[in-house]
Amino acid sequence: MAISTALVKELREATGAGILDCKKALQEADGDLDKAVEILRKQGLAAAKKHLGRQAKEGLIEAYVHTGNRIGALVELNCETDFVARTPEFGQLARDLAMQVVGYGPKYISREDVPPEVLEQERAIYRARAEREGKPPHVIERIVEGWLGKLYEEVCLLEQPFIRNGDVKVGDAIAEKIATMGENIVVKRFARFELGEE
């Protein structure tokens, strides 16, 4: 199937992928733009996994203070080179993450950062709740794990719905940027401040 340059351009603008990658994805998808986007996303996420082990010591610290000056956040976002750290896309990602921290109020970066004692305490609460509701013993553990999944979405930055696109988790949005920028990107730390909060 012949792929028009207009279609390649449209896919490139939508995804930020290279021209040849866009053309190959459109050929593979028989000209279907949505399928081509999905193909590029899968390729990008696979490419992003290659970069995950690399050192990320460059980057920037982004601040965001919400209107009214009552809530603010600082986020340290790291990448591999200062060249990528100075790009507008990287800066926008850092700003979006600072807004995310202000808006969603995560406590941890990832699941691995949640202290084991917090998880055990939550498991005990969820287990007792399921037993009180009369759930059968053989399904209680699955129910507890489901509730823990919801807890992770509330308290872990990388598990939350991304502020710019609620259909994507923050971790997946970062993985897409890793794929397009070709470097590992890591949220190193963040702090959230709310006026009057202890």
Foldseek 3Di string as FASTA:
>chain_A
DDEDVVLLVVLCVVQVDDSVLSVVLCVVVVNDSVSSNVVVLVVLLVLLVVFAVDDWDDADWDKDADPPRFKIKIWTKTKNDVVVNPDPVRVVLNVQLRVLCRPQVAAEAAPVPPDPVVLVVQLVVQLVVCVVVVHDPVCSVVSSVVVVLVVRCRHHQQNDQRPVGSVHGSVSVQSSVCSSVVIHMDTPDMDMGGPPDD
